[in-house]
């Protein structure tokens, strides 16, 4: 079952925007973070759920999408995320979240996939503009924006060849993601 969820968990960048994600669902997923491992058990991460259409549109304006797809400015209207979870670091608790951010994001994305949704982790955002939009106090640092929704694109995993790791889209707009084979992940010495 975990294997199936991991294979379905792709970085989706186009969504069925009209299929909104309710606030309660976002809060349920955030509630799962309580059970994640946390360095020093400090639990310094917080989340801002964004699910109302108008707020989602404002967050969208602060984001950059898919660096390798240089001729694509991001999803068109109708294909944009239906919700966001914005991951924050509360620097009053810790200045560095160590590995907590990745653990929690993977948990969130697997939970979303289990419910038929998908997401994309975004680090390319206009920090000051987004901070202002969210009215964040100085001690809150934005780590990531996680875009969420019902995927409306096909993402295909394929074997990586000749260290060509960049994802790409074909003429039918199918998103291809090369992955290294198991033999490349196990180090056997020089």
Foldseek 3Di string as FASTA:
>chain_A
DVVVLVVLADAFFFFQQVFFDDPVVVVVLVVVLLVWDFVVNLPQKDKDKFADPVLQVQQVVFFADQPVPVVDRTYDPSGFFRIKIWIKGQVVRPPDRVCSVVRSVVSSQSSQVVVQKYKHKGQGGNQVSVCVSVVDDPRIGTRIMIGMHRHPAAEAEDADDPPPQGWDADPVRHIYGHDHDPVVVDDDDD
